[in-house]
Amino acid sequence: MIHSTSSSDRTARTDAVSLVPQKPVVRGPGADSFSAANSTALRAALQTQPEVRPEVVARGKELAADPSYPSNDILRKVGEALLNSPDLTEDES
């Protein structure tokens, strides 16, 4: 969408996605806390969810039966990502 106030001599900027994990945010003392009420609410919400979601199982079965899934393009991208990832077994830290 082009706004009337947009400059026509500029190209749209696309923000790159970083593949490097971000450092965790360090918060002050007491920022992380445990609340029994939150735990109870989370357990209650979890209890309302079905243990098995039949529609997800059916979709998985469809994909497993599809000989063209995943596509060659996806397999190539995953392969490239694996080849370009650091070998963590060589990390001496």
Protein backbone atom coordinates (compact mmCIF):
# COMPACT_ATOMS: atom_id res chain seq x y z
CA MET A 1 0.00 0.00 0.00
CA ILE A 2 1.38 3.41 -0.93
CA HIS A 3 0.39 6.32 1.24
CA SER A 4 0.04 9.77 -0.26
CA THR A 5 2.72 11.03 2.12
CA SER A 6 5.20 8.38 0.96
CA SER A 7 8.27 9.50 -0.91
CA SER A 8 8.27 7.93 -4.36
CA ASP A 9 12.07 7.96 -4.65
CA ARG A 10 12.57 5.36 -1.91
CA THR A 11 12.26 1.63 -2.09
CA ALA A 12 10.48 -0.31 0.62
CA ARG A 13 12.79 -1.60 3.31
CA THR A 14 12.51 -5.23 4.26
CA ASP A 15 13.77 -6.20 7.66
CA ALA A 16 16.05 -9.21 7.62
CA VAL A 17 15.34 -12.11 9.92
CA SER A 18 18.29 -12.99 12.11
CA LEU A 19 19.20 -16.67 12.31
CA VAL A 20 21.42 -15.96 15.29
CA PRO A 21 19.57 -16.46 18.58
CA GLN A 22 19.06 -13.29 20.55
CA LYS A 23 20.57 -12.99 24.02
CA PRO A 24 18.00 -13.39 26.80
CA VAL A 25 16.68 -10.23 28.39
CA VAL A 26 18.00 -9.80 31.91
CA ARG A 27 15.42 -8.35 34.27
CA GLY A 28 15.82 -7.05 37.77
CA PRO A 29 15.30 -9.02 40.98
CA GLY A 30 11.77 -10.33 41.43
CA ALA A 31 10.91 -10.05 37.73
CA ASP A 32 10.53 -13.80 37.47
CA SER A 33 8.18 -15.16 40.05
CA PHE A 34 6.00 -18.16 40.67
CA SER A 35 2.31 -17.77 41.30
CA ALA A 36 0.22 -20.73 42.42
CA ALA A 37 -2.84 -18.99 40.96
CA ASN A 38 -1.21 -18.81 37.53
CA SER A 39 -0.21 -22.46 37.77
CA THR A 40 -3.74 -23.47 38.70
CA ALA A 41 -5.20 -21.46 35.82
CA LEU A 42 -2.73 -23.03 33.40
CA ARG A 43 -3.59 -26.54 34.60
CA ALA A 44 -7.31 -25.80 34.26
CA ALA A 45 -6.83 -24.53 30.71
CA LEU A 46 -4.76 -27.60 29.85
CA GLN A 47 -7.48 -29.90 31.20
CA THR A 48 -9.98 -28.43 28.71
CA GLN A 49 -7.78 -29.35 25.73
CA PRO A 50 -8.24 -32.73 24.07
CA GLU A 51 -5.38 -35.16 24.54
CA VAL A 52 -5.47 -36.06 20.84
CA ARG A 53 -6.60 -33.66 18.13
CA PRO A 54 -8.11 -35.85 15.38
CA GLU A 55 -7.89 -33.13 12.71
CA VAL A 56 -4.13 -32.79 13.31
CA VAL A 57 -3.65 -36.56 13.22
CA ALA A 58 -5.61 -36.72 9.94
CA ARG A 59 -3.48 -33.94 8.43
CA GLY A 60 -0.31 -35.76 9.50
CA LYS A 61 -1.53 -38.96 7.86
CA GLU A 62 -2.30 -37.06 4.64
CA LEU A 63 1.17 -35.54 4.56
CA ALA A 64 2.84 -38.87 5.34
CA ALA A 65 0.99 -40.49 2.41
CA ASP A 66 1.91 -37.67 -0.01
CA PRO A 67 5.08 -38.69 -1.92
CA SER A 68 5.77 -35.07 -2.87
CA TYR A 69 5.84 -33.87 0.75
CA PRO A 70 8.05 -32.24 1.71
CA SER A 71 8.88 -30.62 -1.61
CA ASN A 72 12.37 -30.76 -3.08
CA ASP A 73 12.69 -27.03 -2.45
CA ILE A 74 11.99 -27.47 1.26
CA LEU A 75 14.40 -30.41 1.49
CA ARG A 76 17.09 -28.36 -0.27
CA LYS A 77 16.60 -25.44 2.14
CA VAL A 78 16.74 -27.72 5.18
CA GLY A 79 19.87 -29.37 3.80
CA GLU A 80 21.53 -25.99 3.23
CA ALA A 81 20.62 -24.89 6.75
CA LEU A 82 22.16 -28.07 8.19
CA LEU A 83 25.33 -27.68 6.15
CA ASN A 84 25.69 -24.02 7.10
CA SER A 85 25.03 -24.55 10.81
CA PRO A 86 27.97 -24.67 13.22
CA ASP A 87 29.19 -28.05 14.43
CA LEU A 88 28.41 -27.84 18.14
CA THR A 89 30.42 -30.98 18.88
CA GLU A 90 33.55 -28.93 18.23
CA ASP A 91 32.57 -26.22 20.72
CA GLU A 92 35.18 -26.16 23.49
CA SER A 93 33.32 -23.82 25.84
